[in-house]
Amino acid sequence: MDKKSENVVWHNHSVTHEARVAKKGHKPCVLWFTGLSGSGKSTIANAVDYLLYQQGVHSYVLDGDNVRHGLNGDLGFSDCDRVENIRRIGEVAKLFVDAGLVVSTAFISPFKDDRSLVRNQLEPGQFFEVYIDTPLDVCEQRDPKGLYKKARNGEIKNFTGISSAYEAPENADIHLQTAGKSVEQCAEYIVQALVDAGIVKASI
């Protein structure tokens, strides 16, 4: 994407990133939830956020649908728009990390290159790709928004998993196969992964 901003200068903050992190008592990071529509990304991300909140961790969830109500309301679902959607979210997530938060992003984010781009914008250990691995047939059976039915009927174009590709992570930092697991179990698994990585402390 061509940069159009000219005559801009980076302004350094009086409060440093290190000071903000020290104040919060935990390390910041991005939990980048990826998976098919209906896989459980938003549900699990919110469950993780609740567990972190209970432990006193400063966290926030950026949800795909919610963001398209505002920041990305001008974007459609073509491959080009999907790339821009993820680029913008990556920039926002980076700001949250700079502020010292644990931010969960729940987006299909179907393309490997886009996810790698966000990872490369952050420091090592600040990006966790969380693959919510739910089979297509299970997602389609759930179809909580009725989108798969519309896609099968040709009412929705460029629908991931049906008429648009999904490039599954090959080496996700957290690979969560949801079959046979409750939302609570999935959330606890992810929080434990953060504890193991030294991002947050174990709950007492």
C-alpha atoms as a PDB file:
ATOM      1  CA  MET A   1       0.000   0.000   0.000  1.00  0.00           C
ATOM      2  CA  ASP A   2       1.428   3.401  -1.019  1.00  0.00           C
ATOM      3  CA  LYS A   3       1.951   5.853   1.795  1.00  0.00           C
ATOM      4  CA  LYS A   4       0.107   9.117   1.211  1.00  0.00           C
ATOM      5  CA  SER A   5       0.996  10.947   4.422  1.00  0.00           C
ATOM      6  CA  GLU A   6       3.654  13.585   3.935  1.00  0.00           C
ATOM      7  CA  ASN A   7       5.361  16.066   6.226  1.00  0.00           C
ATOM      8  CA  VAL A   8       4.696  14.001   9.340  1.00  0.00           C
ATOM      9  CA  VAL A   9       7.182  13.495  12.164  1.00  0.00           C
ATOM     10  CA  TRP A  10       7.065  10.803  14.861  1.00  0.00           C
ATOM     11  CA  HIS A  11       6.281  12.317  18.275  1.00  0.00           C
ATOM     12  CA  ASN A  12       7.888  10.616  21.271  1.00  0.00           C
ATOM     13  CA  HIS A  13       5.696  10.124  24.344  1.00  0.00           C
ATOM     14  CA  SER A  14       6.612  11.380  27.791  1.00  0.00           C
ATOM     15  CA  VAL A  15       5.548   8.042  29.303  1.00  0.00           C
ATOM     16  CA  THR A  16       7.627   5.237  27.830  1.00  0.00           C
ATOM     17  CA  HIS A  17       6.451   1.795  26.797  1.00  0.00           C
ATOM     18  CA  GLU A  18       8.624   0.268  29.517  1.00  0.00           C
ATOM     19  CA  ALA A  19       7.026   2.470  32.175  1.00  0.00           C
ATOM     20  CA  ARG A  20       3.533   1.479  31.070  1.00  0.00           C
ATOM     21  CA  VAL A  21       4.440  -2.229  31.165  1.00  0.00           C
ATOM     22  CA  ALA A  22       5.984  -1.918  34.629  1.00  0.00           C
ATOM     23  CA  LYS A  23       2.846  -0.171  35.895  1.00  0.00           C
ATOM     24  CA  LYS A  24       0.577  -2.990  34.721  1.00  0.00           C
ATOM     25  CA  GLY A  25       2.578  -5.847  36.201  1.00  0.00           C
ATOM     26  CA  HIS A  26       2.406  -8.152  33.185  1.00  0.00           C
ATOM     27  CA  LYS A  27       3.844  -8.257  29.692  1.00  0.00           C
ATOM     28  CA  PRO A  28       1.845  -7.064  26.677  1.00  0.00           C
ATOM     29  CA  CYS A  29       1.108  -9.210  23.650  1.00  0.00           C
ATOM     30  CA  VAL A  30      -1.275  -9.898  20.798  1.00  0.00           C
ATOM     31  CA  LEU A  31      -3.350 -13.066  20.806  1.00  0.00           C
ATOM     32  CA  TRP A  32      -4.168 -13.335  17.120  1.00  0.00           C
ATOM     33  CA  PHE A  33      -7.180 -15.664  16.849  1.00  0.00           C
ATOM     34  CA  THR A  34      -7.620 -17.096  13.363  1.00  0.00           C
ATOM     35  CA  GLY A  35     -10.042 -19.694  12.054  1.00  0.00           C
ATOM     36  CA  LEU A  36     -13.096 -20.186   9.894  1.00  0.00           C
ATOM     37  CA  SER A  37     -16.362 -18.352  10.417  1.00  0.00           C
ATOM     38  CA  GLY A  38     -18.224 -20.147  13.197  1.00  0.00           C
ATOM     39  CA  SER A  39     -15.076 -21.768  14.582  1.00  0.00           C
ATOM     40  CA  GLY A  40     -15.510 -20.035  17.940  1.00  0.00           C
ATOM     41  CA  LYS A  41     -12.879 -17.289  17.660  1.00  0.00           C
ATOM     42  CA  SER A  42     -14.927 -14.484  19.211  1.00  0.00           C
ATOM     43  CA  THR A  43     -16.515 -16.692  21.862  1.00  0.00           C
ATOM     44  CA  ILE A  44     -13.185 -18.090  23.018  1.00  0.00           C
ATOM     45  CA  ALA A  45     -11.421 -14.715  22.787  1.00  0.00           C
ATOM     46  CA  ASN A  46     -14.065 -13.192  25.055  1.00  0.00           C
ATOM     47  CA  ALA A  47     -13.752 -16.087  27.500  1.00  0.00           C
ATOM     48  CA  VAL A  48      -9.986 -15.560  27.611  1.00  0.00           C
ATOM     49  CA  ASP A  49     -10.507 -11.833  28.123  1.00  0.00           C
ATOM     50  CA  TYR A  50     -12.824 -12.533  31.070  1.00  0.00           C
ATOM     51  CA  LEU A  51     -10.314 -14.863  32.723  1.00  0.00           C
ATOM     52  CA  LEU A  52      -7.557 -12.286  32.277  1.00  0.00           C
ATOM     53  CA  TYR A  53      -9.797  -9.540  33.656  1.00  0.00           C
ATOM     54  CA  GLN A  54     -10.476 -11.653  36.747  1.00  0.00           C
ATOM     55  CA  GLN A  55      -6.726 -11.993  37.243  1.00  0.00           C
ATOM     56  CA  GLY A  56      -6.204  -8.234  37.044  1.00  0.00           C
ATOM     57  CA  VAL A  57      -4.644  -8.297  33.590  1.00  0.00           C
ATOM     58  CA  HIS A  58      -5.222  -5.228  31.408  1.00  0.00           C
ATOM     59  CA  SER A  59      -6.724  -6.688  28.242  1.00  0.00           C
ATOM     60  CA  TYR A  60      -9.076  -5.941  25.365  1.00  0.00           C
ATOM     61  CA  VAL A  61     -10.766  -7.773  22.487  1.00  0.00           C
ATOM     62  CA  LEU A  62     -10.839  -6.487  18.918  1.00  0.00           C
ATOM     63  CA  ASP A  63     -13.655  -8.405  17.232  1.00  0.00           C
ATOM     64  CA  GLY A  64     -13.970  -8.719  13.456  1.00  0.00           C
ATOM     65  CA  ASP A  65     -17.654  -7.809  13.202  1.00  0.00           C
ATOM     66  CA  ASN A  66     -17.419  -5.005  15.766  1.00  0.00           C
ATOM     67  CA  VAL A  67     -14.509  -3.339  14.004  1.00  0.00           C
ATOM     68  CA  ARG A  68     -16.385  -3.421  10.708  1.00  0.00           C
ATOM     69  CA  HIS A  69     -19.095  -1.297  12.350  1.00  0.00           C
ATOM     70  CA  GLY A  70     -16.616   1.558  12.672  1.00  0.00           C
ATOM     71  CA  LEU A  71     -12.922   1.621  11.781  1.00  0.00           C
ATOM     72  CA  ASN A  72     -13.266  -0.796   8.856  1.00  0.00           C
ATOM     73  CA  GLY A  73     -16.841   0.004   7.888  1.00  0.00           C
ATOM     74  CA  ASP A  74     -15.684   1.106   4.444  1.00  0.00           C
ATOM     75  CA  LEU A  75     -14.249  -2.313   3.546  1.00  0.00           C
ATOM     76  CA  GLY A  76     -15.884  -5.229   1.786  1.00  0.00           C
ATOM     77  CA  PHE A  77     -14.786  -8.858   1.609  1.00  0.00           C
ATOM     78  CA  SER A  78     -12.726  -9.000  -1.556  1.00  0.00           C
ATOM     79  CA  ASP A  79      -9.180 -10.336  -1.150  1.00  0.00           C
ATOM     80  CA  CYS A  80      -7.870  -6.784  -1.401  1.00  0.00           C
ATOM     81  CA  ASP A  81     -10.233  -5.491   1.277  1.00  0.00           C
ATOM     82  CA  ARG A  82      -9.433  -8.434   3.544  1.00  0.00           C
ATOM     83  CA  VAL A  83      -5.736  -7.556   3.331  1.00  0.00           C
ATOM     84  CA  GLU A  84      -6.442  -3.927   4.252  1.00  0.00           C
ATOM     85  CA  ASN A  85      -8.761  -5.053   7.046  1.00  0.00           C
ATOM     86  CA  ILE A  86      -5.952  -7.040   8.653  1.00  0.00           C
ATOM     87  CA  ARG A  87      -3.362  -4.317   8.032  1.00  0.00           C
ATOM     88  CA  ARG A  88      -5.453  -1.798   9.961  1.00  0.00           C
ATOM     89  CA  ILE A  89      -6.126  -4.207  12.808  1.00  0.00           C
ATOM     90  CA  GLY A  90      -2.440  -4.996  13.003  1.00  0.00           C
ATOM     91  CA  GLU A  91      -1.660  -1.309  13.436  1.00  0.00           C
ATOM     92  CA  VAL A  92      -4.327  -0.916  16.130  1.00  0.00           C
ATOM     93  CA  ALA A  93      -3.143  -4.039  17.946  1.00  0.00           C
ATOM     94  CA  LYS A  94       0.405  -2.665  17.893  1.00  0.00           C
ATOM     95  CA  LEU A  95      -0.840   0.483  19.669  1.00  0.00           C
ATOM     96  CA  PHE A  96      -2.511  -1.628  22.348  1.00  0.00           C
ATOM     97  CA  VAL A  97       0.745  -3.498  22.897  1.00  0.00           C
ATOM     98  CA  ASP A  98       2.624  -0.203  23.136  1.00  0.00           C
ATOM     99  CA  ALA A  99       0.146   0.793  25.868  1.00  0.00           C
ATOM    100  CA  GLY A 100       1.015  -2.413  27.750  1.00  0.00           C
ATOM    101  CA  LEU A 101      -2.139  -4.467  27.162  1.00  0.00           C
ATOM    102  CA  VAL A 102      -2.865  -8.046  26.201  1.00  0.00           C
ATOM    103  CA  VAL A 103      -5.043  -7.636  23.119  1.00  0.00           C
ATOM    104  CA  SER A 104      -7.023 -10.445  21.505  1.00  0.00           C
ATOM    105  CA  THR A 105      -7.981 -10.064  17.847  1.00  0.00           C
ATOM    106  CA  ALA A 106     -10.761 -12.316  16.568  1.00  0.00           C
ATOM    107  CA  PHE A 107     -10.614 -12.220  12.772  1.00  0.00           C
ATOM    108  CA  ILE A 108     -10.754 -14.930  10.131  1.00  0.00           C
ATOM    109  CA  SER A 109      -7.539 -13.409   8.676  1.00  0.00           C
ATOM    110  CA  PRO A 110      -7.363 -16.074   5.962  1.00  0.00           C
ATOM    111  CA  PHE A 111      -3.974 -15.287   4.445  1.00  0.00           C
ATOM    112  CA  LYS A 112      -0.646 -16.406   5.939  1.00  0.00           C
ATOM    113  CA  ASP A 113       1.271 -13.425   4.582  1.00  0.00           C
ATOM    114  CA  ASP A 114      -1.054 -10.961   6.319  1.00  0.00           C
ATOM    115  CA  ARG A 115      -0.688 -12.711   9.667  1.00  0.00           C
ATOM    116  CA  SER A 116       3.083 -12.805   9.227  1.00  0.00           C
ATOM    117  CA  LEU A 117       3.106  -9.098   8.424  1.00  0.00           C
ATOM    118  CA  VAL A 118       1.486  -8.306  11.767  1.00  0.00           C
ATOM    119  CA  ARG A 119       3.880 -10.630  13.606  1.00  0.00           C
ATOM    120  CA  ASN A 120       6.861  -8.918  12.016  1.00  0.00           C
ATOM    121  CA  GLN A 121       5.664  -5.503  13.199  1.00  0.00           C
ATOM    122  CA  LEU A 122       5.987  -6.585  16.826  1.00  0.00           C
ATOM    123  CA  GLU A 123       8.900  -7.552  19.009  1.00  0.00           C
ATOM    124  CA  PRO A 124       9.737 -11.260  19.460  1.00  0.00           C
ATOM    125  CA  GLY A 125       7.430 -12.831  22.023  1.00  0.00           C
ATOM    126  CA  GLN A 126       4.681 -10.241  21.566  1.00  0.00           C
ATOM    127  CA  PHE A 127       2.638 -12.083  18.933  1.00  0.00           C
ATOM    128  CA  PHE A 128       0.839 -15.387  19.476  1.00  0.00           C
ATOM    129  CA  GLU A 129      -0.961 -16.889  16.507  1.00  0.00           C
ATOM    130  CA  VAL A 130      -3.912 -18.777  17.993  1.00  0.00           C
ATOM    131  CA  TYR A 131      -5.397 -21.253  15.524  1.00  0.00           C
ATOM    132  CA  ILE A 132      -8.977 -22.111  16.446  1.00  0.00           C
ATOM    133  CA  ASP A 133      -9.019 -25.374  14.540  1.00  0.00           C
ATOM    134  CA  THR A 134     -12.647 -26.311  13.954  1.00  0.00           C
ATOM    135  CA  PRO A 135     -13.502 -28.427  10.873  1.00  0.00           C
ATOM    136  CA  LEU A 136     -15.499 -26.762   8.102  1.00  0.00           C
ATOM    137  CA  ASP A 137     -18.393 -29.203   8.468  1.00  0.00           C
ATOM    138  CA  VAL A 138     -18.697 -28.376  12.172  1.00  0.00           C
ATOM    139  CA  CYS A 139     -18.613 -24.633  11.473  1.00  0.00           C
ATOM    140  CA  GLU A 140     -21.242 -25.087   8.791  1.00  0.00           C
ATOM    141  CA  GLN A 141     -23.465 -27.109  11.113  1.00  0.00           C
ATOM    142  CA  ARG A 142     -23.265 -24.356  13.723  1.00  0.00           C
ATOM    143  CA  ASP A 143     -23.742 -21.509  11.221  1.00  0.00           C
ATOM    144  CA  PRO A 144     -24.676 -19.073  14.046  1.00  0.00           C
ATOM    145  CA  LYS A 145     -25.215 -16.162  11.644  1.00  0.00           C
ATOM    146  CA  GLY A 146     -26.731 -18.136   8.775  1.00  0.00           C
ATOM    147  CA  LEU A 147     -23.810 -17.135   6.563  1.00  0.00           C
ATOM    148  CA  TYR A 148     -22.871 -20.583   5.282  1.00  0.00           C
ATOM    149  CA  LYS A 149     -26.404 -21.177   4.081  1.00  0.00           C
ATOM    150  CA  LYS A 150     -26.356 -17.865   2.213  1.00  0.00           C
ATOM    151  CA  ALA A 151     -22.911 -18.646   0.770  1.00  0.00           C
ATOM    152  CA  ARG A 152     -24.065 -22.064  -0.449  1.00  0.00           C
ATOM    153  CA  ASN A 153     -27.071 -20.385  -2.066  1.00  0.00           C
ATOM    154  CA  GLY A 154     -24.816 -17.901  -3.853  1.00  0.00           C
ATOM    155  CA  GLU A 155     -26.094 -14.945  -1.835  1.00  0.00           C
ATOM    156  CA  ILE A 156     -22.646 -14.137  -0.406  1.00  0.00           C
ATOM    157  CA  LYS A 157     -19.556 -13.873  -2.570  1.00  0.00           C
ATOM    158  CA  ASN A 158     -15.970 -14.342  -1.384  1.00  0.00           C
ATOM    159  CA  PHE A 159     -16.983 -16.380   1.661  1.00  0.00           C
ATOM    160  CA  THR A 160     -14.014 -18.014   3.370  1.00  0.00           C
ATOM    161  CA  GLY A 161     -14.035 -21.789   3.189  1.00  0.00           C
ATOM    162  CA  ILE A 162     -16.674 -21.852   0.450  1.00  0.00           C
ATOM    163  CA  SER A 163     -15.762 -19.454  -2.349  1.00  0.00           C
ATOM    164  CA  SER A 164     -12.623 -17.876  -0.893  1.00  0.00           C
ATOM    165  CA  ALA A 165      -9.489 -19.594   0.381  1.00  0.00           C
ATOM    166  CA  TYR A 166      -8.446 -20.045   3.994  1.00  0.00           C
ATOM    167  CA  GLU A 167      -4.734 -20.640   4.540  1.00  0.00           C
ATOM    168  CA  ALA A 168      -4.521 -22.505   7.835  1.00  0.00           C
ATOM    169  CA  PRO A 169      -1.494 -21.862  10.074  1.00  0.00           C
ATOM    170  CA  GLU A 170       1.220 -24.489   9.767  1.00  0.00           C
ATOM    171  CA  ASN A 171       3.043 -23.691  12.998  1.00  0.00           C
ATOM    172  CA  ALA A 172       0.651 -21.717  15.180  1.00  0.00           C
ATOM    173  CA  ASP A 173       1.977 -20.606  18.562  1.00  0.00           C
ATOM    174  CA  ILE A 174      -1.210 -21.972  20.108  1.00  0.00           C
ATOM    175  CA  HIS A 175      -3.031 -24.682  18.143  1.00  0.00           C
ATOM    176  CA  LEU A 176      -6.422 -25.355  19.691  1.00  0.00           C
ATOM    177  CA  GLN A 177      -8.482 -28.237  18.303  1.00  0.00           C
ATOM    178  CA  THR A 178     -11.914 -27.423  19.675  1.00  0.00           C
ATOM    179  CA  ALA A 179     -13.628 -30.783  19.120  1.00  0.00           C
ATOM    180  CA  GLY A 180     -14.716 -32.192  22.467  1.00  0.00           C
ATOM    181  CA  LYS A 181     -13.617 -29.121  24.413  1.00  0.00           C
ATOM    182  CA  SER A 182     -15.823 -26.594  26.186  1.00  0.00           C
ATOM    183  CA  VAL A 183     -15.337 -22.849  25.766  1.00  0.00           C
ATOM    184  CA  GLU A 184     -14.027 -22.720  29.332  1.00  0.00           C
ATOM    185  CA  GLN A 185     -11.457 -25.441  28.651  1.00  0.00           C
ATOM    186  CA  CYS A 186     -10.279 -23.648  25.517  1.00  0.00           C
ATOM    187  CA  ALA A 187      -9.928 -20.355  27.379  1.00  0.00           C
ATOM    188  CA  GLU A 188      -8.033 -21.958  30.253  1.00  0.00           C
ATOM    189  CA  TYR A 189      -5.668 -23.646  27.791  1.00  0.00           C
ATOM    190  CA  ILE A 190      -4.808 -20.311  26.178  1.00  0.00           C
ATOM    191  CA  VAL A 191      -4.326 -18.506  29.486  1.00  0.00           C
ATOM    192  CA  GLN A 192      -2.031 -21.309  30.646  1.00  0.00           C
ATOM    193  CA  ALA A 193      -0.014 -20.844  27.454  1.00  0.00           C
ATOM    194  CA  LEU A 194       0.421 -17.177  28.411  1.00  0.00           C
ATOM    195  CA  VAL A 195       1.529 -18.195  31.891  1.00  0.00           C
ATOM    196  CA  ASP A 196       4.043 -20.660  30.406  1.00  0.00           C
ATOM    197  CA  ALA A 197       5.370 -17.914  28.113  1.00  0.00           C
ATOM    198  CA  GLY A 198       5.853 -15.542  31.045  1.00  0.00           C
ATOM    199  CA  ILE A 199       3.283 -13.010  29.797  1.00  0.00           C
ATOM    200  CA  VAL A 200       1.027 -13.206  32.839  1.00  0.00           C
ATOM    201  CA  LYS A 201       1.382 -14.738  36.274  1.00  0.00           C
ATOM    202  CA  ALA A 202      -0.411 -17.897  37.321  1.00  0.00           C
ATOM    203  CA  SER A 203      -3.658 -17.265  39.178  1.00  0.00           C
ATOM    204  CA  ILE A 204      -3.487 -17.891  42.930  1.00  0.00           C
END
